[in-house]
């Protein structure tokens, strides 16, 4: 199968290349990480490494370096992108998003139930948190080692402001959790979580998460999870923070607009289109040029890029592919998820 295109400047040795990435697992307050270690074929080093931030140019909230991915030569990916944004992201992407990749990809293994929380919208993040963007996210379920794998999302009935404030003030976790829709999940299912939507991932659910590149979580149920209330509201106080919460009713019909099941053949619901894209590639496939994060879910094979480079792929490999690498070809019995920022200027499938 031939590569379906070329890109100028491919002989420039200084242009960015596709390369595999090592694990990047900042410590967190909740347990997990065994499923990540198993996928990557590595030992479990700590019970509190539940997230692997893949091709990350995003830091933990309040940190200057924690969370950032490092390339093989020791350069931070964020610094490499700033040094050559067109090479990494493409001129059209840069015209719209500047030097931001507009994407953060994570492997997230919930070794315990996560607390009920939500994320701010772009407008709220800019107005109250001095952040460039908020956080809409999506979960692609990779595995469900738990006994009763479920996630929770959206209030089953609309909740008034006074009730939410009381639940948060009293730290009534049972009421918060009980008010959310409970959604059984299995491998291959996916759920988009818009900014503001209250949610929690259940114990024993292993997901690939795509999200906007920020680390902004407003933790409604913080007691027993975080050390201090200030961490829960990101220092702005719950009086202001709760304005970011979607208190509306998410009935089954409305929730269905965010949910896709494996048997549907679709990976992500249309609600994701303005924020990120994901495509599952089985066997031989080609990718159009563009910044891409590859997660090898199963199998083994080879990545061939238009700049002449080849990379061996195996289960658990994670790869960052810059725009400058040009169109790419996957061959071999592979199961790969290709993650990309939103399309510019028009939606499109990276598979050509």
Protein backbone atom coordinates (compact mmCIF):
# COMPACT_ATOMS: atom_id res chain seq x y z
CA UNK A 1 0.00 0.00 0.00
CA UNK A 2 1.60 3.27 -1.07
CA UNK A 3 1.81 6.41 1.00
CA UNK A 4 -0.84 8.80 -0.27
CA UNK A 5 1.06 12.05 -0.50
CA UNK A 6 4.30 13.93 0.07
CA UNK A 7 5.35 16.95 2.03
CA UNK A 8 7.96 19.53 1.13
CA UNK A 9 11.13 19.72 3.18
CA UNK A 10 11.21 16.02 4.00
CA UNK A 11 15.01 15.85 3.67
CA UNK A 12 15.54 18.44 6.37
CA UNK A 13 17.08 16.48 9.23
CA UNK A 14 16.01 19.17 11.68
CA UNK A 15 12.33 18.69 10.98
CA UNK A 16 10.40 16.84 13.68
CA UNK A 17 9.99 13.10 13.32
CA UNK A 18 7.51 10.55 14.59
CA UNK A 19 8.81 8.93 17.74
CA UNK A 20 7.67 6.59 20.50
CA UNK A 21 7.07 8.04 23.95
CA UNK A 22 7.89 6.53 27.33
CA UNK A 23 5.32 6.46 30.15
CA UNK A 24 4.61 9.87 31.67
CA UNK A 25 2.74 9.23 34.91
CA UNK A 26 2.55 12.09 37.40
CA UNK A 27 1.36 10.97 40.85
CA UNK A 28 -2.31 11.50 41.67
CA UNK A 29 -4.58 11.41 44.70
CA UNK A 30 -6.43 8.27 43.60
CA UNK A 31 -5.28 4.68 43.15
CA UNK A 32 -4.73 2.94 39.83
CA UNK A 33 -2.23 2.19 37.11
CA UNK A 34 -2.11 -1.61 36.97
CA UNK A 35 -3.94 -1.70 33.63
CA UNK A 36 -1.52 0.86 32.17
CA UNK A 37 1.45 -1.22 33.29
CA UNK A 38 -0.11 -4.36 31.81
CA UNK A 39 -0.80 -2.66 28.47
CA UNK A 40 2.76 -1.37 28.27
CA UNK A 41 4.31 -4.62 29.56
CA UNK A 42 5.94 -2.86 32.51
CA UNK A 43 5.97 -3.49 36.27
CA UNK A 44 3.63 -1.61 38.59
CA UNK A 45 5.86 0.94 40.32
CA UNK A 46 3.33 2.68 42.54
CA UNK A 47 -0.37 2.38 43.43
CA UNK A 48 -0.93 6.08 42.76
CA UNK A 49 0.15 6.39 39.11
CA UNK A 50 -3.30 6.00 37.52
CA UNK A 51 -2.76 8.28 34.51
CA UNK A 52 -0.27 8.27 31.63
CA UNK A 53 -0.19 11.68 29.92
CA UNK A 54 0.71 10.91 26.30
CA UNK A 55 2.32 13.56 24.06
CA UNK A 56 1.49 16.12 26.73
CA UNK A 57 2.30 19.81 26.43
CA UNK A 58 0.08 20.43 29.48
CA UNK A 59 1.23 20.75 33.08
CA UNK A 60 -0.60 19.80 36.23
CA UNK A 61 -2.62 22.70 37.63
CA UNK A 62 -0.25 25.04 39.48
CA UNK A 63 2.90 23.21 38.30
CA UNK A 64 5.59 24.37 35.88
CA UNK A 65 6.84 21.02 34.55
CA UNK A 66 4.89 18.11 36.02
CA UNK A 67 2.83 16.46 33.29
CA UNK A 68 4.99 17.46 30.33
CA UNK A 69 6.13 14.75 27.90
CA UNK A 70 9.81 14.42 27.01
CA UNK A 71 11.18 13.37 23.62
CA UNK A 72 14.04 10.90 23.11
CA UNK A 73 16.70 13.63 23.04
CA UNK A 74 15.52 15.03 26.37
CA UNK A 75 13.63 17.98 24.88
CA UNK A 76 10.21 18.72 26.30
CA UNK A 77 7.59 18.22 23.62
CA UNK A 78 6.13 21.60 24.56
CA UNK A 79 9.49 23.28 23.85
CA UNK A 80 9.88 21.41 20.57
CA UNK A 81 6.44 22.54 19.42
CA UNK A 82 7.19 26.16 20.36
CA UNK A 83 10.45 25.99 18.40
CA UNK A 84 8.73 24.68 15.22
CA UNK A 85 4.95 25.02 15.46
CA UNK A 86 4.37 24.68 11.71
CA UNK A 87 6.47 21.52 11.60
CA UNK A 88 4.70 19.88 14.49
CA UNK A 89 1.16 21.16 13.96
CA UNK A 90 0.82 22.45 10.38
CA UNK A 91 0.27 26.04 9.28
CA UNK A 92 -3.55 25.79 9.22
CA UNK A 93 -3.65 24.46 12.77
CA UNK A 94 -1.29 27.21 13.96
CA UNK A 95 -3.46 29.86 12.29
CA UNK A 96 -6.40 28.70 14.40
CA UNK A 97 -4.86 27.47 17.67
CA UNK A 98 -1.44 29.10 17.77
CA UNK A 99 1.29 26.95 19.33
CA UNK A 100 -1.18 24.81 21.28
CA UNK A 101 -1.60 21.20 20.18
CA UNK A 102 -5.27 21.66 21.21
CA UNK A 103 -5.18 18.10 22.56
CA UNK A 104 -4.19 16.07 25.60
CA UNK A 105 -4.35 12.28 25.50
CA UNK A 106 -4.30 10.12 28.62
CA UNK A 107 -4.45 6.50 29.59
CA UNK A 108 -6.51 6.45 32.80
CA UNK A 109 -6.93 3.39 35.00
CA UNK A 110 -9.34 3.89 37.88
CA UNK A 111 -8.18 1.63 40.69
CA UNK A 112 -10.90 3.20 42.81
CA UNK A 113 -14.01 5.25 42.10
CA UNK A 114 -13.20 8.82 41.21
CA UNK A 115 -14.99 11.65 43.03
CA UNK A 116 -17.88 13.53 41.50
CA UNK A 117 -16.41 16.49 39.65
CA UNK A 118 -16.81 18.68 36.57
CA UNK A 119 -14.63 20.83 34.33
CA UNK A 120 -15.05 24.48 33.33
CA UNK A 121 -15.93 25.70 29.86
CA UNK A 122 -13.58 27.81 27.77
CA UNK A 123 -15.40 31.00 28.75
CA UNK A 124 -15.38 30.17 32.48
CA UNK A 125 -11.71 29.14 32.41
CA UNK A 126 -10.70 32.41 30.76
CA UNK A 127 -12.85 34.58 33.00
CA UNK A 128 -12.10 33.00 36.38
CA UNK A 129 -8.98 30.84 36.10
CA UNK A 130 -6.72 32.81 33.73
CA UNK A 131 -6.57 29.70 31.52
CA UNK A 132 -6.51 29.49 27.74
CA UNK A 133 -9.19 26.81 27.56
CA UNK A 134 -11.56 24.74 29.62
CA UNK A 135 -11.91 20.99 29.49
CA UNK A 136 -14.29 18.95 27.43
CA UNK A 137 -13.18 15.32 27.38
CA UNK A 138 -14.15 11.88 26.10
CA UNK A 139 -13.51 8.35 27.35
CA UNK A 140 -12.84 5.38 25.10
CA UNK A 141 -13.17 2.29 27.25
CA UNK A 142 -10.19 -0.01 26.72
CA UNK A 143 -10.93 -2.52 29.46
CA UNK A 144 -13.16 -3.22 32.43
CA UNK A 145 -11.31 -5.31 35.01
CA UNK A 146 -13.69 -4.20 37.74
CA UNK A 147 -16.53 -6.39 39.01
CA UNK A 148 -19.24 -3.87 38.11
CA UNK A 149 -17.78 -1.44 35.56
CA UNK A 150 -19.82 1.74 35.43
CA UNK A 151 -19.38 5.45 34.92
CA UNK A 152 -21.64 8.26 36.12
CA UNK A 153 -22.55 11.37 34.16
CA UNK A 154 -25.17 14.12 34.23
CA UNK A 155 -27.93 14.69 36.76
CA UNK A 156 -30.93 12.39 36.21
CA UNK A 157 -33.20 15.29 37.16
CA UNK A 158 -32.50 18.99 37.20
CA UNK A 159 -31.02 20.10 40.54
CA UNK A 160 -31.51 23.59 41.96
CA UNK A 161 -28.59 25.71 43.02
CA UNK A 162 -29.40 25.62 46.74
CA UNK A 163 -29.47 21.82 46.78
CA UNK A 164 -26.10 21.51 45.05
CA UNK A 165 -24.57 24.07 47.41
CA UNK A 166 -25.86 22.11 50.39
CA UNK A 167 -24.51 18.80 49.06
CA UNK A 168 -21.10 20.37 48.48
CA UNK A 169 -21.05 22.26 51.78
CA UNK A 170 -21.97 19.14 53.75
CA UNK A 171 -19.82 16.93 51.51
CA UNK A 172 -22.76 14.61 50.94
CA UNK A 173 -21.01 12.32 48.48
CA UNK A 174 -23.82 9.77 48.53
CA UNK A 175 -26.33 12.41 47.39
CA UNK A 176 -24.04 13.76 44.68
CA UNK A 177 -23.24 10.32 43.31
CA UNK A 178 -26.81 9.09 43.61
CA UNK A 179 -28.14 12.03 41.61
CA UNK A 180 -26.07 11.08 38.53
CA UNK A 181 -26.96 8.68 35.74
CA UNK A 182 -25.24 5.31 36.21
CA UNK A 183 -23.98 3.89 32.90
CA UNK A 184 -22.65 0.32 32.62
CA UNK A 185 -19.73 0.18 30.19
CA UNK A 186 -17.63 -2.41 28.41
CA UNK A 187 -14.56 -2.31 26.18
CA UNK A 188 -15.24 -0.38 22.98
CA UNK A 189 -17.86 1.95 24.45
CA UNK A 190 -17.21 5.71 24.47
CA UNK A 191 -18.69 8.73 26.23
CA UNK A 192 -18.16 12.43 25.54
CA UNK A 193 -18.14 14.61 28.67
CA UNK A 194 -18.90 18.26 27.82
CA UNK A 195 -17.54 21.00 30.04
CA UNK A 196 -19.76 21.49 33.08
CA UNK A 197 -21.22 17.97 33.10
CA UNK A 198 -20.83 16.32 36.54
CA UNK A 199 -19.25 12.88 36.27
CA UNK A 200 -17.23 10.13 37.92
CA UNK A 201 -15.44 7.02 36.61
CA UNK A 202 -16.08 3.82 38.54
CA UNK A 203 -13.49 1.46 39.97
CA UNK A 204 -12.05 -0.98 37.46
CA UNK A 205 -12.67 1.09 34.32
CA UNK A 206 -9.65 1.63 32.05
CA UNK A 207 -10.03 4.37 29.45
CA UNK A 208 -8.20 6.26 26.77
CA UNK A 209 -9.12 9.87 27.42
CA UNK A 210 -9.03 12.66 24.86
CA UNK A 211 -9.45 16.16 26.23
CA UNK A 212 -8.73 19.81 25.77
CA UNK A 213 -5.21 20.60 26.99
CA UNK A 214 -5.89 21.81 30.53
CA UNK A 215 -5.81 20.37 34.05
CA UNK A 216 -8.85 22.11 35.50
CA UNK A 217 -11.13 20.02 37.72
CA UNK A 218 -13.75 21.36 40.09
CA UNK A 219 -14.15 18.56 42.62
CA UNK A 220 -17.60 18.63 44.18
CA UNK A 221 -16.96 15.54 46.31
CA UNK A 222 -13.52 16.33 47.70
CA UNK A 223 -13.59 14.98 51.26
CA UNK A 224 -11.75 11.66 51.45
CA UNK A 225 -10.03 12.38 48.12
CA UNK A 226 -8.19 15.72 48.34
CA UNK A 227 -6.19 17.17 51.21
CA UNK A 228 -7.93 20.54 51.32
CA UNK A 229 -11.09 22.24 50.07
CA UNK A 230 -9.04 24.89 48.25
CA UNK A 231 -7.75 22.18 45.89
CA UNK A 232 -11.35 21.27 45.05
CA UNK A 233 -12.39 24.72 43.83
CA UNK A 234 -8.97 25.68 42.38
CA UNK A 235 -8.66 28.60 44.77
CA UNK A 236 -11.67 30.56 43.53
CA UNK A 237 -14.19 29.39 46.13
CA UNK A 238 -17.23 27.22 45.58
CA UNK A 239 -19.47 30.31 45.48
CA UNK A 240 -17.92 31.07 42.11
CA UNK A 241 -16.83 27.60 41.04
CA UNK A 242 -20.33 26.10 41.11
CA UNK A 243 -21.38 28.50 38.34
CA UNK A 244 -19.43 26.18 36.02
CA UNK A 245 -21.63 23.17 36.89
CA UNK A 246 -24.34 21.94 34.52
CA UNK A 247 -27.30 21.38 36.86
CA UNK A 248 -29.77 20.53 34.08
CA UNK A 249 -31.52 17.22 33.52
CA UNK A 250 -29.77 14.63 31.37
CA UNK A 251 -32.43 12.04 30.59
CA UNK A 252 -31.70 8.90 28.59
CA UNK A 253 -32.44 10.54 25.23
CA UNK A 254 -30.15 13.47 25.90
CA UNK A 255 -27.43 11.25 27.31
CA UNK A 256 -27.58 9.10 24.18
CA UNK A 257 -26.19 12.04 22.18
CA UNK A 258 -22.90 11.61 24.08
CA UNK A 259 -22.67 7.82 24.19
CA UNK A 260 -21.52 5.33 21.56
CA UNK A 261 -21.45 1.57 21.96
CA UNK A 262 -18.88 -0.65 20.27
CA UNK A 263 -21.51 -2.36 18.14
CA UNK A 264 -22.51 1.01 16.62
CA UNK A 265 -19.31 1.17 14.58
CA UNK A 266 -18.71 4.80 15.59
CA UNK A 267 -15.89 5.74 17.93
CA UNK A 268 -17.01 9.11 19.31
CA UNK A 269 -20.34 10.91 19.25
CA UNK A 270 -20.65 14.06 17.13
CA UNK A 271 -20.46 16.14 20.33
CA UNK A 272 -16.68 15.60 20.21
CA UNK A 273 -16.13 17.07 16.76
CA UNK A 274 -15.32 20.63 17.84
CA UNK A 275 -12.77 19.43 20.40
CA UNK A 276 -10.87 16.35 19.16
CA UNK A 277 -11.04 13.36 16.82
CA UNK A 278 -10.35 9.65 17.28
CA UNK A 279 -10.28 6.82 14.75
CA UNK A 280 -9.69 3.12 15.30
CA UNK A 281 -7.37 1.59 12.70
CA UNK A 282 -7.37 -2.16 12.26
CA UNK A 283 -4.65 -3.76 10.13
CA UNK A 284 -3.09 -1.91 7.20
CA UNK A 285 -4.18 1.74 7.06
CA UNK A 286 -2.95 5.17 6.02
CA UNK A 287 -3.05 8.53 7.79
CA UNK A 288 -3.15 11.97 6.24
CA UNK A 289 -0.51 14.45 7.41
CA UNK A 290 -1.26 16.09 10.73
CA UNK A 291 -0.37 16.09 14.42
CA UNK A 292 -1.43 12.67 15.70
CA UNK A 293 -1.06 10.60 18.85
CA UNK A 294 -1.12 6.84 18.25
CA UNK A 295 -2.04 4.33 20.95
CA UNK A 296 -1.36 0.70 19.99
CA UNK A 297 -4.11 -1.27 21.70
CA UNK A 298 -3.08 -4.66 20.34
CA UNK A 299 -0.93 -6.46 17.78
CA UNK A 300 2.39 -5.51 16.23
CA UNK A 301 3.57 -3.94 12.99
CA UNK A 302 5.32 -0.90 11.56
CA UNK A 303 4.68 2.81 11.08
CA UNK A 304 6.09 4.24 7.83
CA UNK A 305 6.10 8.03 7.44
CA UNK A 306 6.58 10.05 4.26
CA UNK A 307 9.91 11.40 5.49
CA UNK A 308 11.31 7.89 5.10
CA UNK A 309 11.30 6.94 8.77
CA UNK A 310 9.98 3.63 10.11
CA UNK A 311 9.01 2.75 13.67
CA UNK A 312 8.23 -0.70 15.07
CA UNK A 313 4.89 -0.84 16.87
CA UNK A 314 3.65 -3.28 19.49
CA UNK A 315 0.87 -3.47 22.05
CA UNK A 316 1.26 -0.60 24.49
CA UNK A 317 3.40 1.60 22.23
CA UNK A 318 2.47 5.28 22.21
CA UNK A 319 3.74 7.49 19.38
CA UNK A 320 3.60 11.20 18.57
CA UNK A 321 3.49 11.97 14.84
CA UNK A 322 4.19 15.56 13.74
CA UNK A 323 2.60 17.20 10.71
CA UNK A 324 6.03 17.41 9.06
CA UNK A 325 6.32 13.61 8.97
CA UNK A 326 3.73 13.71 6.19
CA UNK A 327 1.20 11.01 5.35
CA UNK A 328 1.90 7.76 7.17
CA UNK A 329 1.21 4.08 6.63
CA UNK A 330 0.53 1.39 9.20
CA UNK A 331 1.11 -2.23 8.29
CA UNK A 332 0.74 -5.45 10.22
CA UNK A 333 -1.99 -6.99 12.40
CA UNK A 334 -2.46 -3.84 14.44
CA UNK A 335 -5.29 -2.35 16.50
CA UNK A 336 -4.44 1.36 16.86
CA UNK A 337 -6.37 4.40 18.04
CA UNK A 338 -5.33 7.60 16.26
CA UNK A 339 -6.06 10.74 18.30
CA UNK A 340 -6.08 14.19 16.71
CA UNK A 341 -7.05 17.77 17.55
CA UNK A 342 -10.15 19.20 15.90
CA UNK A 343 -10.06 19.40 12.12
CA UNK A 344 -9.00 22.63 10.43
CA UNK A 345 -10.81 24.01 8.60
CA UNK A 346 -13.32 21.21 7.93
CA UNK A 347 -14.04 17.91 9.69
CA UNK A 348 -12.39 14.94 8.04
CA UNK A 349 -11.25 11.42 8.54
CA UNK A 350 -7.46 11.03 8.91
CA UNK A 351 -7.68 7.66 7.22
CA UNK A 352 -7.04 8.06 3.48
